[in-house]
């Protein structure tokens, strides 16, 4: 069997996505007073937008 895809072809496919994946962790207090953490992966255009991300429980 001949190889269908070269290494160069794989690189061309991934070049279209310009967003950066960032893991955001938010800490909050529960009703009992314990600290809980919520984490989420978010895609942003620029790393400076990380401070502006807001998500709720």
Protein backbone atom coordinates (compact mmCIF):
# COMPACT_ATOMS: atom_id res chain seq x y z
CA UNK A 1 0.00 0.00 0.00
CA UNK A 2 1.28 3.44 -0.91
CA UNK A 3 1.32 6.23 1.64
CA UNK A 4 -1.63 8.55 0.98
CA UNK A 5 -0.65 11.53 3.12
CA UNK A 6 2.74 13.17 3.63
CA UNK A 7 3.97 15.07 6.65
CA UNK A 8 3.63 18.35 4.73
CA UNK A 9 -0.04 17.66 4.04
CA UNK A 10 -0.73 17.21 7.76
CA UNK A 11 0.80 20.61 8.55
CA UNK A 12 -1.36 22.39 6.00
CA UNK A 13 -4.59 21.22 7.63
CA UNK A 14 -3.74 22.57 11.08
CA UNK A 15 -2.67 26.01 9.86
CA UNK A 16 -6.29 27.27 9.55
CA UNK A 17 -7.03 27.43 13.29
CA UNK A 18 -5.55 30.62 14.79
CA UNK A 19 -7.28 30.43 18.17
CA UNK A 20 -5.44 29.46 21.36
CA UNK A 21 -6.89 26.86 23.73
CA UNK A 22 -6.69 27.95 27.38
CA UNK A 23 -7.76 26.10 30.53
CA UNK A 24 -9.60 28.48 32.89
CA UNK A 25 -10.01 27.51 36.55
CA UNK A 26 -12.45 29.41 38.75
CA UNK A 27 -12.63 29.01 42.54
CA UNK A 28 -15.80 29.72 44.49
CA UNK A 29 -17.24 29.09 47.93
CA UNK A 30 -20.11 26.66 48.32
CA UNK A 31 -23.05 27.13 50.68
CA UNK A 32 -21.24 25.04 53.30
CA UNK A 33 -18.19 27.31 53.14
CA UNK A 34 -15.86 24.93 51.34
CA UNK A 35 -13.88 25.97 48.31
CA UNK A 36 -14.82 24.34 45.01
CA UNK A 37 -13.15 24.65 41.62
CA UNK A 38 -14.66 24.70 38.16
CA UNK A 39 -12.46 24.29 35.13
CA UNK A 40 -13.21 24.77 31.46
CA UNK A 41 -11.28 24.86 28.20
CA UNK A 42 -11.88 28.05 26.23
CA UNK A 43 -10.58 29.13 22.81
CA UNK A 44 -9.47 32.76 22.58
CA UNK A 45 -7.98 34.84 19.77
CA UNK A 46 -5.40 36.57 21.95
CA UNK A 47 -3.88 35.62 25.32
CA UNK A 48 -4.84 39.08 26.65
CA UNK A 49 -8.53 38.11 26.52
CA UNK A 50 -8.11 35.57 29.33
CA UNK A 51 -8.77 38.22 32.00
CA UNK A 52 -12.09 39.13 30.34
CA UNK A 53 -13.52 35.57 30.36
CA UNK A 54 -16.45 35.19 32.74
CA UNK A 55 -18.43 31.99 33.28
CA UNK A 56 -20.78 31.07 36.09
CA UNK A 57 -21.61 27.87 37.87
